[in-house]
Amino acid sequence: MSRKEPQKPGRVLLLPIDSIEPSPYQARTAFDEPEIAALAVSILQNGLLQPVSVRRVGLRKYQLVAGERRLRACRLAKLEKIPAILADFDDSESAALGLLENLQRSQLDPFDTARGIKEVIRLWGCTQAEAARRLGLSQPALANKLRLLTLTPEQQDLCTANHLSERHARAVLRLPEGRRTAALEKIARDNLSVRQADKLVESMLAAPKGPSPCRKTIPMVRDVRFFVNTLQHAVDLMTQKGIAATTSCDKKDGCLEYIVRIPVGSDGRVAPGAPAAPAAAPTTVAESPAVPASAPVTTDTDQTEDFAVQLL
């Protein structure tokens, strides 16, 4: 069995820098290299004024809890040993402390912040409301940060590469997913402010999403002769097929009554008849239709069915 080290939590230790491994819960994914280089110069001149925080993960092995930028600067400065505060934290506490340090000390990329919050919630196994309370955020603010993760990785990279703010990113979330990239590209290209980005999104939401479908327009036909000729044509087709259909036309009460009579047998089926000769020219109706002088009327059977059509 390995022998436990005597150090107690809270003590400041001078640790070999190679014995400290990075935190797997580091929220920050991008670091400003010139800023790290400047910090390394300051550490060489003045020393590390604030120790990093670590936790023990094995015999003479430590894991960074807070101070990623300071650790990187010390490595860049070729320091062999650095002061570190030994902390007794579990995974969830270590992740939360690292996130809080980044939130308080240096401006995090908004997507790094959102990913860090999501990881802390997972480790804590808590609700958004509880996480907001423990992180010192309002619940709406925390929810808004998490919503940023609904942008695709490509859209997130576009925001980061062009230094777009959290509010820029939140503005385009109002758009459908397929239109967000175009909006972000325009915001970056034209260097739009947050207010201008909001106006851009509003204009994109108000604009048609695509070509309007062609509407089928049914023209209104006001000439009654069109309908009469259509009915007569249908009757002509029936007579050509051997159905002894007849028609009558009358005008009454301001209406033109057009009756089609089709003989049927006792079984209710259309009674066959001899095929008719080719139909004469279709019946036409004058501009002010009057009752035809000799409208054909059926008289050879009682079993007929009348279909009356009133044309106003």
Protein backbone atom coordinates (compact mmCIF):
# COMPACT_ATOMS: atom_id res chain seq x y z
CA MET A 1 0.00 0.00 0.00
CA SER A 2 1.17 3.48 -0.77
CA ARG A 3 2.04 5.75 2.12
CA LYS A 4 -0.17 8.85 2.51
CA GLU A 5 1.53 12.21 2.45
CA PRO A 6 1.35 14.25 5.65
CA GLN A 7 0.14 17.47 4.01
CA LYS A 8 -3.24 18.73 5.21
CA PRO A 9 -5.79 20.73 3.19
CA GLY A 10 -5.31 24.49 3.39
CA ARG A 11 -1.53 24.40 3.55
CA VAL A 12 0.62 26.20 0.99
CA LEU A 13 3.08 23.78 -0.58
CA LEU A 14 6.01 24.30 -2.91
CA LEU A 15 5.31 21.64 -5.53
CA PRO A 16 7.26 20.46 -8.56
CA ILE A 17 5.41 21.92 -11.53
CA ASP A 18 5.51 18.55 -13.32
CA SER A 19 3.52 16.96 -10.49
CA ILE A 20 0.49 19.17 -11.27
CA GLU A 21 -1.84 18.00 -14.02
CA PRO A 22 -4.47 20.23 -15.67
CA SER A 23 -8.05 20.10 -14.50
CA PRO A 24 -10.35 17.93 -16.65
CA TYR A 25 -13.13 20.35 -15.72
CA GLN A 26 -11.47 23.45 -17.14
CA ALA A 27 -14.24 25.50 -18.73
CA ARG A 28 -11.92 27.63 -20.84
CA THR A 29 -10.95 26.07 -24.18
CA ALA A 30 -9.10 29.04 -25.72
CA PHE A 31 -6.33 31.03 -24.07
CA ASP A 32 -4.85 34.36 -25.06
CA GLU A 33 -1.23 33.41 -25.72
CA PRO A 34 0.13 37.00 -25.67
CA GLU A 35 -1.61 37.48 -22.32
CA ILE A 36 -0.02 34.27 -20.98
CA ALA A 37 3.39 35.45 -22.23
CA ALA A 38 2.99 38.81 -20.49
CA LEU A 39 1.99 37.03 -17.27
CA ALA A 40 5.10 34.82 -17.54
CA VAL A 41 7.31 37.91 -17.75
CA SER A 42 5.59 39.37 -14.67
CA ILE A 43 6.09 36.12 -12.73
CA LEU A 44 9.79 36.05 -13.61
CA GLN A 45 10.17 39.61 -12.37
CA ASN A 46 7.92 39.53 -9.30
CA GLY A 47 7.28 35.88 -8.52
CA LEU A 48 3.90 34.14 -8.40
CA LEU A 49 1.97 36.48 -6.12
CA GLN A 50 -1.05 34.18 -5.75
CA PRO A 51 -0.58 30.41 -5.47
CA VAL A 52 -2.60 28.05 -7.63
CA SER A 53 -5.09 25.67 -5.97
CA VAL A 54 -4.64 21.91 -6.30
CA ARG A 55 -6.09 18.70 -4.92
CA ARG A 56 -4.27 15.44 -4.31
CA VAL A 57 -5.05 12.65 -6.81
CA GLY A 58 -2.26 10.21 -5.92
CA LEU A 59 1.10 9.85 -4.27
CA ARG A 60 2.92 13.08 -5.06
CA LYS A 61 0.38 13.71 -7.80
CA TYR A 62 -1.90 16.73 -7.86
CA GLN A 63 -4.66 18.08 -10.05
CA LEU A 64 -5.20 21.75 -10.68
CA VAL A 65 -8.39 23.19 -9.20
CA ALA A 66 -7.91 26.88 -9.99
CA GLY A 67 -5.17 28.88 -11.70
CA GLU A 68 -4.88 27.48 -15.25
CA ARG A 69 -3.49 30.73 -16.67
CA ARG A 70 -0.96 31.05 -13.83
CA LEU A 71 0.14 27.42 -14.29
CA ARG A 72 0.61 27.91 -18.03
CA ALA A 73 2.59 31.11 -17.43
CA CYS A 74 4.82 29.34 -14.89
CA ARG A 75 5.50 26.54 -17.39
CA LEU A 76 6.32 29.16 -20.03
CA ALA A 77 8.68 30.84 -17.54
CA LYS A 78 10.46 27.45 -17.05
CA LEU A 79 9.82 27.40 -13.29
CA GLU A 80 10.56 24.04 -11.66
CA LYS A 81 8.51 24.55 -8.51
CA ILE A 82 5.54 26.77 -7.72
CA PRO A 83 3.51 27.54 -4.57
CA ALA A 84 0.13 25.81 -4.41
CA ILE A 85 -2.72 25.70 -1.90
CA LEU A 86 -3.78 22.13 -1.13
CA ALA A 87 -7.56 21.81 -1.23
CA ASP A 88 -9.85 18.94 -0.32
CA PHE A 89 -12.42 19.00 -3.13
CA ASP A 90 -14.39 16.32 -4.90
CA ASP A 91 -15.10 16.43 -8.64
CA SER A 92 -18.18 18.65 -8.42
CA GLU A 93 -16.53 21.14 -6.07
CA SER A 94 -13.39 21.26 -8.20
CA ALA A 95 -15.39 21.94 -11.38
CA ALA A 96 -17.48 24.62 -9.70
CA LEU A 97 -14.47 26.40 -8.21
CA GLY A 98 -12.65 26.43 -11.55
CA LEU A 99 -15.71 27.86 -13.27
CA LEU A 100 -16.21 30.53 -10.60
CA GLU A 101 -12.58 31.58 -10.85
CA ASN A 102 -12.90 32.05 -14.60
CA LEU A 103 -16.14 33.96 -14.23
CA GLN A 104 -14.68 36.30 -11.63
CA ARG A 105 -11.11 36.83 -12.84
CA SER A 106 -11.10 36.87 -16.64
CA GLN A 107 -13.79 37.15 -19.29
CA LEU A 108 -14.69 33.69 -20.51
CA ASP A 109 -15.86 32.93 -24.00
CA PRO A 110 -19.69 32.74 -23.65
CA PHE A 111 -19.74 29.20 -25.01
CA ASP A 112 -17.02 28.08 -22.60
CA THR A 113 -19.12 29.56 -19.81
CA ALA A 114 -22.21 27.70 -20.99
CA ARG A 115 -20.34 24.40 -21.27
CA GLY A 116 -18.85 24.92 -17.82
CA ILE A 117 -22.28 25.57 -16.30
CA LYS A 118 -23.68 22.49 -18.01
CA GLU A 119 -20.85 20.36 -16.62
CA VAL A 120 -21.30 21.76 -13.11
CA ILE A 121 -25.04 20.99 -13.22
CA ARG A 122 -24.20 17.43 -14.29
CA LEU A 123 -21.67 16.96 -11.50
CA TRP A 124 -23.92 18.51 -8.88
CA GLY A 125 -26.97 16.63 -10.12
CA CYS A 126 -29.10 19.70 -9.45
CA THR A 127 -31.68 21.86 -11.19
CA GLN A 128 -30.92 25.04 -13.09
CA ALA A 129 -32.47 27.04 -10.27
CA GLU A 130 -30.17 25.47 -7.67
CA ALA A 131 -27.11 25.86 -9.90
CA ALA A 132 -27.97 29.53 -10.47
CA ARG A 133 -28.19 30.11 -6.72
CA ARG A 134 -24.88 28.40 -6.01
CA LEU A 135 -23.09 30.17 -8.87
CA GLY A 136 -24.46 33.58 -7.92
CA LEU A 137 -26.50 34.00 -11.11
CA SER A 138 -30.17 34.67 -11.69
CA GLN A 139 -32.08 31.72 -13.12
CA PRO A 140 -33.00 33.58 -16.36
CA ALA A 141 -29.34 34.57 -16.85
CA LEU A 142 -28.20 30.98 -16.40
CA ALA A 143 -30.92 29.69 -18.76
CA ASN A 144 -29.91 32.24 -21.40
CA LYS A 145 -26.29 31.12 -21.20
CA LEU A 146 -27.26 27.47 -21.63
CA ARG A 147 -29.41 28.35 -24.65
CA LEU A 148 -26.24 29.39 -26.48
CA LEU A 149 -25.36 25.71 -26.79
CA THR A 150 -28.29 25.25 -29.20
CA LEU A 151 -26.12 26.94 -31.84
CA THR A 152 -24.19 24.45 -33.95
CA PRO A 153 -20.44 24.02 -33.30
CA GLU A 154 -19.77 25.83 -36.59
CA GLN A 155 -21.96 28.75 -35.53
CA GLN A 156 -20.24 28.87 -32.14
CA ASP A 157 -16.84 28.95 -33.84
CA LEU A 158 -18.07 31.76 -36.09
CA CYS A 159 -19.02 33.81 -33.03
CA THR A 160 -15.71 33.13 -31.28
CA ALA A 161 -13.54 33.82 -34.33
CA ASN A 162 -15.24 37.18 -34.91
CA HIS A 163 -15.38 38.15 -31.21
CA LEU A 164 -19.18 38.36 -31.21
CA SER A 165 -20.68 38.88 -27.77
CA GLU A 166 -23.15 36.70 -25.92
CA ARG A 167 -25.90 39.17 -26.80
CA HIS A 168 -25.06 38.89 -30.50
CA ALA A 169 -25.34 35.12 -30.27
CA ARG A 170 -28.59 35.29 -28.33
CA ALA A 171 -30.10 37.63 -30.93
CA VAL A 172 -29.81 35.06 -33.73
CA LEU A 173 -31.39 32.34 -31.58
CA ARG A 174 -34.73 33.90 -32.50
CA LEU A 175 -34.20 32.75 -36.09
CA PRO A 176 -34.82 29.23 -37.42
CA GLU A 177 -31.65 27.15 -37.30
CA GLY A 178 -31.18 27.22 -41.06
CA ARG A 179 -30.99 31.03 -41.17
CA ARG A 180 -28.68 31.66 -38.21
CA THR A 181 -25.38 31.21 -40.02
CA ALA A 182 -26.26 33.82 -42.64
CA ALA A 183 -27.24 36.27 -39.90
CA LEU A 184 -24.01 35.69 -37.95
CA GLU A 185 -21.92 36.14 -41.09
CA LYS A 186 -23.60 39.46 -41.85
CA ILE A 187 -23.22 40.65 -38.24
CA ALA A 188 -19.51 39.82 -38.35
CA ARG A 189 -18.93 41.18 -41.87
CA ASP A 190 -20.69 44.49 -41.21
CA ASN A 191 -19.44 44.76 -37.61
CA LEU A 192 -22.99 45.29 -36.35
CA SER A 193 -23.73 46.41 -32.81
CA VAL A 194 -26.12 44.40 -30.65
CA ARG A 195 -28.95 46.83 -31.43
CA GLN A 196 -28.23 46.59 -35.16
CA ALA A 197 -28.11 42.80 -34.88
CA ASP A 198 -31.54 42.82 -33.22
CA LYS A 199 -32.92 44.93 -36.07
CA LEU A 200 -31.37 42.58 -38.62
CA VAL A 201 -33.04 39.59 -36.98
CA GLU A 202 -36.38 41.41 -36.86
CA SER A 203 -36.15 42.22 -40.57
CA MET A 204 -35.28 38.60 -41.38
CA LEU A 205 -38.24 37.36 -39.36
CA ALA A 206 -40.57 39.81 -41.13
CA ALA A 207 -39.33 38.89 -44.62
CA PRO A 208 -40.93 35.99 -46.52
CA LYS A 209 -39.07 32.75 -45.90
CA GLY A 210 -39.24 31.80 -49.58
CA PRO A 211 -41.22 32.27 -52.77
CA SER A 212 -44.91 32.43 -52.07
CA PRO A 213 -46.78 29.46 -53.49
CA CYS A 214 -48.79 30.29 -56.57
CA ARG A 215 -52.44 30.59 -55.76
CA LYS A 216 -54.89 29.00 -58.10
CA THR A 217 -57.33 31.70 -59.09
CA ILE A 218 -60.78 30.68 -60.19
CA PRO A 219 -62.21 33.37 -62.43
CA MET A 220 -65.76 34.49 -61.79
CA VAL A 221 -67.94 33.91 -64.85
CA ARG A 222 -70.94 36.19 -64.93
CA ASP A 223 -72.32 35.24 -68.38
CA VAL A 224 -75.12 32.69 -67.85
CA ARG A 225 -74.66 31.36 -71.35
CA PHE A 226 -71.43 29.70 -70.29
CA PHE A 227 -73.27 27.52 -67.75
CA VAL A 228 -76.15 26.71 -70.07
CA ASN A 229 -73.83 25.62 -72.85
CA THR A 230 -71.86 23.49 -70.40
CA LEU A 231 -75.02 21.70 -69.26
CA GLN A 232 -76.17 21.21 -72.82
CA HIS A 233 -72.81 19.73 -73.75
CA ALA A 234 -73.16 17.18 -70.93
CA VAL A 235 -76.62 16.21 -72.16
CA ASP A 236 -75.31 15.83 -75.70
CA LEU A 237 -72.65 13.42 -74.45
CA MET A 238 -75.33 11.33 -72.71
CA THR A 239 -77.48 11.11 -75.83
CA GLN A 240 -74.45 10.10 -77.90
CA LYS A 241 -73.93 7.21 -75.47
CA GLY A 242 -77.49 5.99 -75.93
CA ILE A 243 -79.17 7.68 -72.97
CA ALA A 244 -82.40 9.37 -73.98
CA ALA A 245 -81.82 12.45 -71.87
CA THR A 246 -83.86 15.55 -72.57
CA THR A 247 -83.76 19.10 -71.34
CA SER A 248 -86.10 21.95 -70.74
CA CYS A 249 -85.37 25.55 -69.94
CA ASP A 250 -87.67 28.06 -68.29
CA LYS A 251 -87.33 31.47 -66.71
CA LYS A 252 -89.30 32.14 -63.54
CA ASP A 253 -88.96 34.33 -60.46
CA GLY A 254 -85.81 35.96 -61.77
CA CYS A 255 -84.13 32.58 -62.30
CA LEU A 256 -83.35 30.46 -65.31
CA GLU A 257 -84.50 26.90 -64.57
CA TYR A 258 -82.77 24.24 -66.59
CA ILE A 259 -84.19 20.69 -66.23
CA VAL A 260 -82.40 17.56 -67.41
CA ARG A 261 -84.63 14.45 -67.60
CA ILE A 262 -83.03 11.00 -67.67
CA PRO A 263 -85.29 7.92 -68.04
CA VAL A 264 -84.64 5.11 -65.55
CA GLY A 265 -85.95 1.56 -65.27
CA SER A 266 -87.77 -0.02 -62.33
CA ASP A 267 -84.44 -1.09 -60.86
CA GLY A 268 -83.35 2.51 -60.67
CA ARG A 269 -80.79 2.15 -63.41
CA VAL A 270 -80.58 4.42 -66.41
CA ALA A 271 -82.82 3.03 -69.13
CA PRO A 272 -80.90 2.33 -72.35
CA GLY A 273 -81.96 3.98 -75.53
CA ALA A 274 -80.88 4.08 -79.11
CA PRO A 275 -77.68 5.97 -79.75
CA ALA A 276 -78.53 9.43 -80.82
CA ALA A 277 -77.47 11.05 -84.00
CA PRO A 278 -74.67 13.54 -83.79
CA ALA A 279 -75.81 16.40 -81.64
CA ALA A 280 -76.81 19.65 -83.14
CA ALA A 281 -75.13 22.87 -82.22
CA PRO A 282 -75.31 23.49 -78.47
CA THR A 283 -78.22 25.45 -77.17
CA THR A 284 -77.23 29.01 -76.49
CA VAL A 285 -78.88 31.58 -74.35
CA ALA A 286 -79.29 35.18 -75.33
CA GLU A 287 -77.75 38.00 -73.30
CA SER A 288 -81.10 38.39 -71.56
CA PRO A 289 -82.33 34.79 -71.74
CA ALA A 290 -85.98 34.21 -72.44
CA VAL A 291 -87.95 30.98 -72.27
CA PRO A 292 -87.24 28.91 -75.39
CA ALA A 293 -90.23 28.82 -77.73
CA SER A 294 -90.01 25.06 -78.23
CA ALA A 295 -88.10 23.55 -75.35
CA PRO A 296 -88.03 19.72 -75.64
CA VAL A 297 -90.11 17.91 -73.04
CA THR A 298 -90.17 14.16 -72.34
CA THR A 299 -93.56 12.45 -72.67
CA ASP A 300 -92.73 8.78 -73.34
CA THR A 301 -92.14 7.53 -69.79
CA ASP A 302 -93.31 8.19 -66.30
CA GLN A 303 -90.10 6.87 -64.78
CA THR A 304 -87.80 9.76 -65.24
CA GLU A 305 -85.65 11.66 -62.82
CA ASP A 306 -85.45 15.40 -63.07
CA PHE A 307 -82.31 17.33 -62.27
CA ALA A 308 -83.18 20.98 -61.96
CA VAL A 309 -80.47 23.59 -62.01
CA GLN A 310 -81.40 27.14 -61.14
CA LEU A 311 -79.13 29.78 -62.54
CA LEU A 312 -79.54 33.10 -60.82
